[in-house]
N, C-alpha and C. Protein backbone atom coordinates (compact mmCIF):
# COMPACT_ATOMS: atom_id res chain seq x y z
N MET A 1 0.80 -1.46 0.09
CA MET A 1 0.10 0.09 0.33
C MET A 1 1.04 1.40 0.41
N ASP A 2 0.69 2.65 -0.76
CA ASP A 2 1.73 3.09 -0.87
C ASP A 2 1.33 4.67 0.13
N GLY A 3 1.81 5.39 0.26
CA GLY A 3 1.41 6.30 1.45
C GLY A 3 0.58 7.03 1.43
N VAL A 4 -0.04 7.49 -0.21
CA VAL A 4 -1.53 8.68 0.00
C VAL A 4 -2.33 7.70 0.12
N LYS A 5 -2.50 6.04 -0.28
CA LYS A 5 -3.90 4.86 0.28
C LYS A 5 -3.81 5.20 1.41
N ALA A 6 -2.26 4.81 2.60
CA ALA A 6 -2.55 4.50 4.00
C ALA A 6 -3.08 6.04 4.15
N ALA A 7 -2.61 7.19 3.99
CA ALA A 7 -3.12 7.97 4.56
C ALA A 7 -4.61 8.43 4.41
N GLY A 8 -5.28 7.82 2.87
CA GLY A 8 -6.50 7.32 3.03
C GLY A 8 -7.29 7.19 4.07
N VAL A 9 -6.57 5.57 4.04
CA VAL A 9 -7.36 4.96 5.16
C VAL A 9 -7.42 5.45 6.41
N VAL A 10 -6.65 5.95 7.09
CA VAL A 10 -6.37 6.44 8.43
C VAL A 10 -7.22 7.58 8.72
N VAL A 11 -7.01 8.63 7.47
CA VAL A 11 -7.35 9.56 7.62
C VAL A 11 -9.59 8.98 7.60
N SER A 12 -9.89 8.50 6.89
CA SER A 12 -11.36 7.99 6.14
C SER A 12 -11.93 7.03 7.32
N ALA A 13 -10.86 6.73 8.55
CA ALA A 13 -11.58 5.94 9.49
C ALA A 13 -11.74 7.13 10.64
N GLY A 14 -10.23 7.98 10.59
CA GLY A 14 -10.70 8.84 11.75
C GLY A 14 -11.87 9.24 11.60
N LEU A 15 -12.31 9.81 10.43
CA LEU A 15 -13.58 10.93 10.68
C LEU A 15 -14.40 10.11 10.05
N ALA A 16 -14.78 8.97 9.79
CA ALA A 16 -15.94 8.07 10.31
C ALA A 16 -16.26 7.54 11.59
N VAL A 17 -15.14 7.55 11.98
CA VAL A 17 -15.64 7.47 13.62
C VAL A 17 -15.87 8.26 14.38
N THR A 18 -15.33 9.57 14.03
CA THR A 18 -15.79 11.13 14.77
C THR A 18 -17.03 11.20 13.96
N GLY A 19 -17.51 10.81 12.76
CA GLY A 19 -18.95 11.03 12.35
C GLY A 19 -19.55 10.32 13.30
N ALA A 20 -19.44 9.11 13.83
CA ALA A 20 -20.55 8.17 14.30
C ALA A 20 -20.74 8.37 15.95
N LEU A 21 -19.71 9.01 16.28
CA LEU A 21 -19.97 9.54 18.00
C LEU A 21 -21.12 10.69 17.90
N HIS A 22 -20.47 11.73 16.51
CA HIS A 22 -21.82 12.25 16.34
C HIS A 22 -23.13 12.32 16.47
N ALA A 23 -22.94 10.90 15.68
CA ALA A 23 -24.69 10.14 15.44
C ALA A 23 -25.03 10.13 16.46
N VAL A 24 -24.35 9.14 17.67
CA VAL A 24 -24.66 8.40 18.90
C VAL A 24 -25.24 9.82 19.91
N TRP A 25 -24.22 11.34 19.54
CA TRP A 25 -24.62 12.05 20.36
C TRP A 25 -26.31 12.48 20.54
N VAL A 26 -26.49 12.24 19.64
CA VAL A 26 -28.04 12.32 19.26
C VAL A 26 -29.12 11.84 20.53
N VAL A 27 -28.48 10.67 20.71
CA VAL A 27 -29.54 9.88 21.79
C VAL A 27 -29.11 9.81 23.24
N THR A 28 -27.52 10.54 23.46
CA THR A 28 -26.65 9.84 24.67
C THR A 28 -25.45 10.71 24.68
N PRO A 29 -24.83 10.99 25.86
CA PRO A 29 -23.29 12.21 25.71
C PRO A 29 -22.54 11.25 25.93
N TRP A 30 -22.75 9.64 25.86
CA TRP A 30 -21.52 8.83 25.66
C TRP A 30 -20.24 9.11 24.95
N PRO A 31 -19.70 9.24 25.67
CA PRO A 31 -19.14 7.86 26.65
C PRO A 31 -18.94 9.10 27.92
N LEU A 32 -19.31 10.06 27.85
CA LEU A 32 -19.56 11.01 29.14
C LEU A 32 -20.94 10.68 30.00
N ARG A 33 -20.65 10.82 31.41
CA ARG A 33 -22.38 10.52 31.97
C ARG A 33 -23.48 11.10 31.73
N THR A 34 -23.12 12.38 31.59
CA THR A 34 -24.07 13.42 31.77
C THR A 34 -24.00 14.50 30.77
N PRO A 35 -25.23 14.88 30.61
CA PRO A 35 -25.05 16.15 29.58
C PRO A 35 -24.74 17.08 29.97
N GLU A 36 -24.02 17.47 31.06
CA GLU A 36 -23.31 18.82 31.80
C GLU A 36 -22.34 18.51 31.95
N GLU A 37 -21.72 17.14 31.99
CA GLU A 37 -19.84 16.93 31.58
C GLU A 37 -20.01 17.08 30.21
N PHE A 38 -20.68 16.46 29.28
CA PHE A 38 -20.96 16.79 27.63
C PHE A 38 -20.49 17.91 27.64
N ALA A 39 -21.19 18.99 27.99
CA ALA A 39 -21.11 20.44 27.43
C ALA A 39 -19.71 20.90 27.98
N ASP A 40 -19.25 20.52 29.60
CA ASP A 40 -18.21 21.00 29.74
C ASP A 40 -16.80 20.39 28.94
N THR A 41 -16.70 19.17 28.89
CA THR A 41 -15.61 18.40 28.32
C THR A 41 -15.71 18.36 26.96
N VAL A 42 -16.79 18.56 26.33
CA VAL A 42 -17.21 18.74 24.26
C VAL A 42 -17.12 19.53 23.83
N VAL A 43 -17.93 20.25 24.20
CA VAL A 43 -18.73 22.01 24.14
C VAL A 43 -17.51 23.17 24.52
N GLY A 44 -17.75 22.88 26.21
CA GLY A 44 -17.32 23.98 26.41
C GLY A 44 -17.92 25.18 27.29
N THR A 45 -19.24 24.76 26.76
CA THR A 45 -19.94 25.85 27.33
C THR A 45 -21.40 25.36 27.23
N GLY A 46 -22.57 26.02 27.83
CA GLY A 46 -23.77 25.15 27.45
C GLY A 46 -24.34 24.39 29.06
N GLU A 47 -25.43 23.57 28.56
CA GLU A 47 -25.79 22.61 29.64
C GLU A 47 -26.20 21.21 29.26
N GLY A 48 -25.61 20.98 27.90
CA GLY A 48 -25.69 19.62 27.59
C GLY A 48 -25.39 19.17 26.31
N VAL A 49 -25.80 18.33 25.53
CA VAL A 49 -25.28 18.01 24.34
C VAL A 49 -26.35 18.71 23.31
N PRO A 50 -25.31 19.07 22.33
CA PRO A 50 -26.13 20.16 21.29
C PRO A 50 -27.50 19.39 20.29
N PRO A 51 -28.05 20.43 19.72
CA PRO A 51 -29.55 20.01 19.38
C PRO A 51 -29.49 18.60 18.61
N ALA A 52 -30.06 17.35 18.23
CA ALA A 52 -29.89 16.54 17.77
C ALA A 52 -29.80 16.94 16.07
N ALA A 53 -30.58 17.90 15.89
CA ALA A 53 -30.33 18.32 14.51
C ALA A 53 -28.65 18.65 13.94
N ALA A 54 -28.26 19.08 14.93
CA ALA A 54 -26.85 19.63 14.99
C ALA A 54 -25.73 18.47 15.44
N CYS A 55 -26.08 17.86 15.73
CA CYS A 55 -25.55 16.47 15.67
C CYS A 55 -25.32 15.18 14.65
N LEU A 56 -26.81 15.86 13.67
CA LEU A 56 -26.43 14.68 12.88
C LEU A 56 -25.99 15.58 11.74
N ALA A 57 -26.00 16.51 11.50
CA ALA A 57 -25.52 17.63 10.54
C ALA A 57 -24.32 17.25 10.80
N VAL A 58 -23.58 17.18 11.29
CA VAL A 58 -21.75 16.99 11.58
C VAL A 58 -21.67 15.70 11.64
N ALA A 59 -22.73 14.68 11.95
CA ALA A 59 -21.94 13.10 11.76
C ALA A 59 -22.34 13.17 10.11
N GLY A 60 -23.34 13.71 9.52
CA GLY A 60 -23.42 13.83 8.10
C GLY A 60 -22.21 14.14 7.24
N LEU A 61 -22.14 15.73 8.02
CA LEU A 61 -20.45 16.56 6.66
C LEU A 61 -19.39 15.28 7.04
N LEU A 62 -19.25 15.14 8.59
CA LEU A 62 -17.96 13.86 8.60
C LEU A 62 -18.26 12.64 7.79
N GLY A 63 -19.25 12.07 7.77
CA GLY A 63 -19.59 10.96 7.00
C GLY A 63 -19.09 11.28 5.71
N THR A 64 -19.91 12.50 5.15
CA THR A 64 -19.50 12.77 3.66
C THR A 64 -17.40 13.15 3.29
N ALA A 65 -17.46 13.73 4.05
CA ALA A 65 -15.72 13.31 4.32
C ALA A 65 -14.62 12.62 4.31
N SER A 66 -15.15 11.89 5.62
CA SER A 66 -14.67 9.82 4.93
C SER A 66 -14.70 9.20 3.61
N TYR A 67 -16.14 9.37 3.32
CA TYR A 67 -16.28 9.26 1.76
C TYR A 67 -15.34 9.35 0.63
N LEU A 68 -15.31 11.07 0.84
CA LEU A 68 -14.42 11.86 -0.18
C LEU A 68 -13.18 11.54 0.02
N VAL A 69 -12.24 11.54 1.17
CA VAL A 69 -10.70 10.81 1.28
C VAL A 69 -10.36 9.78 0.85
N ALA A 70 -11.65 8.67 1.23
CA ALA A 70 -11.33 7.18 1.31
C ALA A 70 -11.22 7.06 -1.03
N ALA A 71 -12.27 7.81 -1.17
CA ALA A 71 -12.81 7.57 -2.56
C ALA A 71 -11.35 7.82 -3.22
N GLU A 72 -10.71 9.18 -3.22
CA GLU A 72 -9.64 9.92 -3.71
C GLU A 72 -8.53 9.29 -3.65
N ALA A 73 -8.45 8.41 -2.56
CA ALA A 73 -7.03 7.76 -2.22
C ALA A 73 -7.28 6.57 -2.62
N GLY A 74 -8.41 6.36 -3.11
CA GLY A 74 -8.02 4.71 -4.33
C GLY A 74 -8.87 3.69 -3.35
N VAL A 75 -9.46 3.90 -2.23
CA VAL A 75 -9.89 3.21 -1.14
C VAL A 75 -10.99 2.26 -1.11
N LEU A 76 -12.06 3.65 -1.84
CA LEU A 76 -13.27 3.05 -1.73
C LEU A 76 -13.48 3.25 -3.15
N PRO A 77 -14.85 2.97 -3.69
CA PRO A 77 -15.05 2.97 -5.16
C PRO A 77 -15.42 4.99 -5.63
N ALA A 78 -14.90 5.28 -6.30
CA ALA A 78 -15.00 7.19 -6.78
C ALA A 78 -16.58 7.31 -7.07
N LEU A 79 -17.37 7.99 -7.07
CA LEU A 79 -18.65 8.57 -8.01
C LEU A 79 -18.15 10.10 -8.01
N GLY A 80 -18.74 10.00 -8.80
CA GLY A 80 -18.66 11.57 -9.71
C GLY A 80 -17.53 11.94 -10.26
N PRO A 81 -17.43 12.98 -10.41
CA PRO A 81 -16.32 13.72 -11.18
C PRO A 81 -14.94 13.99 -10.26
N ARG A 82 -13.72 13.79 -10.85
CA ARG A 82 -12.85 13.59 -10.21
C ARG A 82 -12.46 15.20 -9.05
N GLN A 83 -12.52 15.76 -10.69
CA GLN A 83 -12.17 17.34 -10.09
C GLN A 83 -12.91 17.99 -8.52
N LEU A 84 -14.43 17.13 -8.62
CA LEU A 84 -14.94 17.95 -7.41
C LEU A 84 -15.04 16.99 -6.49
N ARG A 85 -14.59 15.50 -6.55
CA ARG A 85 -14.04 14.92 -5.11
C ARG A 85 -13.15 15.37 -4.69
N ARG A 86 -12.23 15.68 -5.85
CA ARG A 86 -10.64 16.34 -5.20
C ARG A 86 -10.43 17.58 -4.78
N ALA A 87 -11.47 18.62 -5.35
CA ALA A 87 -12.02 19.55 -4.60
C ALA A 87 -12.42 19.53 -3.09
N GLY A 88 -13.45 18.52 -3.05
CA GLY A 88 -13.93 18.10 -1.69
C GLY A 88 -12.95 18.02 -0.84
N VAL A 89 -11.89 17.16 -1.28
CA VAL A 89 -10.96 16.50 -0.20
C VAL A 89 -10.51 17.65 0.38
N ARG A 90 -9.82 18.57 -0.60
CA ARG A 90 -9.08 19.76 -0.31
C ARG A 90 -10.01 20.73 0.24
N THR A 91 -11.21 20.54 0.42
CA THR A 91 -12.11 21.63 1.23
C THR A 91 -11.93 21.03 2.63
N VAL A 92 -12.23 19.60 3.10
CA VAL A 92 -11.94 18.87 4.27
C VAL A 92 -10.84 19.06 4.96
N ALA A 93 -9.46 19.44 4.37
CA ALA A 93 -8.26 19.71 4.52
C ALA A 93 -8.01 20.99 5.17
N GLY A 94 -8.67 21.47 4.28
CA GLY A 94 -8.25 22.96 4.78
C GLY A 94 -9.09 23.34 5.73
N GLY A 95 -10.48 22.73 6.12
CA GLY A 95 -11.32 23.20 7.15
C GLY A 95 -10.75 22.99 8.06
N LEU A 96 -10.12 21.31 8.72
CA LEU A 96 -9.83 20.57 9.45
C LEU A 96 -8.48 21.63 9.70
N LEU A 97 -7.45 21.89 8.50
CA LEU A 97 -6.13 22.50 9.48
C LEU A 97 -6.46 23.66 9.86
N ALA A 98 -8.07 24.67 9.59
CA ALA A 98 -8.20 25.58 10.18
C ALA A 98 -8.56 25.30 11.34
N ARG A 99 -9.44 24.32 11.96
CA ARG A 99 -9.96 23.92 13.23
C ARG A 99 -8.83 23.76 14.05
N GLY A 100 -7.77 22.85 13.38
CA GLY A 100 -7.04 22.51 14.14
C GLY A 100 -5.50 23.93 14.38
N LEU A 101 -5.65 24.67 13.73
CA LEU A 101 -4.64 25.08 14.04
C LEU A 101 -5.23 26.77 14.69
N GLY A 102 -6.24 26.98 14.43
CA GLY A 102 -6.78 27.98 15.07
C GLY A 102 -7.59 27.80 16.63
N GLY A 103 -7.78 26.56 16.46
CA GLY A 103 -8.75 25.99 17.86
C GLY A 103 -8.30 26.37 19.01
N PRO A 104 -6.96 26.49 18.90
CA PRO A 104 -6.59 26.79 20.50
C PRO A 104 -6.74 28.43 20.74
N VAL A 105 -6.82 29.27 19.25
CA VAL A 105 -6.56 30.91 19.58
C VAL A 105 -8.52 31.14 19.85
N VAL A 106 -9.36 30.60 18.53
CA VAL A 106 -10.54 30.94 19.00
C VAL A 106 -11.25 30.48 20.23
N PHE A 107 -10.92 28.85 20.15
CA PHE A 107 -11.61 28.34 21.42
C PHE A 107 -10.94 28.61 23.18
N GLY A 108 -9.94 29.06 22.83
CA GLY A 108 -9.07 29.92 24.30
C GLY A 108 -8.98 30.86 24.77
N ARG A 109 -8.59 32.14 23.73
CA ARG A 109 -8.64 33.10 24.49
C ARG A 109 -9.55 33.74 23.77
N LEU A 110 -10.37 33.45 22.63
CA LEU A 110 -11.10 34.93 22.03
C LEU A 110 -13.00 34.17 22.32
N SER A 111 -13.29 33.38 22.95
CA SER A 111 -14.81 32.34 23.60
C SER A 111 -14.17 32.55 24.91
N GLU A 112 -15.16 32.31 25.51
CA GLU A 112 -15.55 32.04 27.24
C GLU A 112 -15.93 30.01 27.10
N ARG A 113 -14.79 29.82 27.10
CA ARG A 113 -15.09 27.81 27.22
C ARG A 113 -14.77 27.77 28.27
N SER A 114 -14.92 26.31 29.20
CA SER A 114 -14.72 26.13 30.12
C SER A 114 -13.05 25.41 30.06
N ALA A 115 -12.35 25.58 31.62
CA ALA A 115 -11.12 25.27 31.43
C ALA A 115 -10.81 23.66 31.13
N ARG A 116 -11.96 23.25 31.38
CA ARG A 116 -11.27 21.55 30.71
C ARG A 116 -11.40 21.53 29.25
N PHE A 117 -12.37 22.10 28.62
CA PHE A 117 -12.97 22.18 26.85
C PHE A 117 -10.80 22.67 26.94
N ARG A 118 -10.96 24.24 27.23
CA ARG A 118 -9.38 24.00 26.72
C ARG A 118 -8.49 23.28 26.81
N ARG A 119 -8.19 22.76 27.99
CA ARG A 119 -7.17 21.83 28.62
C ARG A 119 -7.17 20.60 26.81
N LEU A 120 -8.34 19.99 27.24
CA LEU A 120 -8.12 19.29 26.09
C LEU A 120 -8.44 19.59 24.58
N ASN A 121 -8.68 20.59 24.39
CA ASN A 121 -8.36 21.00 23.03
C ASN A 121 -7.46 21.26 22.58
N VAL A 122 -6.50 21.96 23.69
CA VAL A 122 -4.99 22.07 23.40
C VAL A 122 -4.20 20.98 23.12
N ARG A 123 -4.57 19.71 24.32
CA ARG A 123 -4.09 18.60 23.91
C ARG A 123 -4.02 17.21 23.00
N TYR A 124 -5.41 17.64 22.75
CA TYR A 124 -6.38 16.55 21.73
C TYR A 124 -7.02 16.75 20.59
N TYR A 125 -7.78 17.84 20.77
CA TYR A 125 -9.11 18.18 19.62
C TYR A 125 -8.14 18.92 18.67
N SER A 126 -7.71 20.04 18.66
CA SER A 126 -6.59 20.62 17.52
C SER A 126 -5.77 19.70 17.22
N PRO A 127 -4.52 19.04 18.00
CA PRO A 127 -3.82 18.14 16.94
C PRO A 127 -4.51 17.11 16.16
N LEU A 128 -5.73 16.74 16.68
CA LEU A 128 -6.35 15.61 15.95
C LEU A 128 -6.45 16.46 14.77
N CYS A 129 -6.96 17.21 14.55
CA CYS A 129 -7.76 18.27 13.89
C CYS A 129 -6.39 18.19 12.82
N VAL A 130 -5.59 18.79 13.13
CA VAL A 130 -4.19 18.95 12.12
C VAL A 130 -3.72 17.52 11.57
N ALA A 131 -3.58 17.17 12.44
CA ALA A 131 -3.22 15.70 11.56
C ALA A 131 -3.67 15.07 10.71
N LEU A 132 -5.34 14.94 10.78
CA LEU A 132 -6.45 14.73 9.79
C LEU A 132 -6.49 15.35 8.51
N GLY A 133 -6.08 16.33 9.15
CA GLY A 133 -6.38 17.26 7.97
C GLY A 133 -4.44 17.51 7.14
N ALA A 134 -3.75 17.35 7.59
CA ALA A 134 -2.40 16.95 6.79
C ALA A 134 -2.55 16.02 6.04
N GLY A 135 -3.06 14.89 6.64
CA GLY A 135 -3.81 13.61 5.64
C GLY A 135 -4.44 13.72 4.82
N ALA A 136 -5.71 14.10 4.83
CA ALA A 136 -6.55 14.71 3.73
C ALA A 136 -5.64 15.54 2.82
N ALA A 137 -5.15 16.27 3.47
CA ALA A 137 -4.20 17.39 2.60
C ALA A 137 -3.07 16.47 1.36
N ALA A 138 -2.50 15.26 2.28
CA ALA A 138 -1.54 14.15 1.32
C ALA A 138 -2.63 13.97 0.29
N VAL A 139 -3.78 13.27 0.49
CA VAL A 139 -4.25 12.55 -0.43
C VAL A 139 -5.05 13.95 -1.67
N GLY A 140 -5.54 15.03 -1.27
CA GLY A 140 -5.81 16.32 -1.90
C GLY A 140 -5.00 16.54 -3.09
N TRP A 141 -3.76 16.50 -2.75
CA TRP A 141 -2.84 17.29 -3.35
C TRP A 141 -1.66 16.05 -4.36
N ARG A 142 -2.00 15.18 -4.00
CA ARG A 142 -1.01 14.24 -4.38
C ARG A 142 -0.87 14.46 -6.20
N GLY A 143 -0.16 14.39 -6.67
CA GLY A 143 0.11 14.03 -8.06
C GLY A 143 0.04 15.85 -8.98
N SER A 144 -0.36 16.66 -8.08
CA SER A 144 -0.77 17.92 -8.71
C SER A 144 0.74 18.83 -8.56
N SER A 145 0.63 20.11 -8.90
CA SER A 145 1.52 20.72 -8.65
C SER A 145 0.57 21.91 -8.58
N ALA A 146 1.42 23.24 -8.27
CA ALA A 146 1.37 24.43 -7.96
C ALA A 146 0.52 24.80 -9.15
N THR A 147 1.04 24.87 -10.26
CA THR A 147 0.47 25.23 -11.60
C THR A 147 -0.65 24.02 -12.08
N ASN A 148 -1.19 23.22 -11.66
CA ASN A 148 -1.56 22.26 -12.05
C ASN A 148 -2.77 21.61 -10.81
N CYS A 149 -3.46 22.81 -10.45
CA CYS A 149 -4.07 22.16 -9.61
C CYS A 149 -5.59 21.49 -9.90
């Protein structure tokens, strides 16, 4: 398996698992015990799990991102125009990198988030986004050049 395909497998799996976790949050705050603990740990504000529609929307976006990365890496059958898939993967990479690199500032200094969330964001959430974003970028930009995007 080449490096791009391996990156596609890892990133796609990470996005799929994260999407599934967001779908689970429609009905339960698992793996946390209470909605209040969830709000403190995962959101950093509020009193509970976000609305079901928000959780499902994020789950759907993550599932779509997972498919796009896997298809572009050649792990799953590709549907639709290649240029559209590649643009989707590049959008996924950009969004994840922006969240990962900007997260400590946006969710740490510019907003009122709980101390627990800020600590977890710096240690886990933002680095995970950077890693997934870098992997998606490797898939989305493979074989292209600055003049042939």
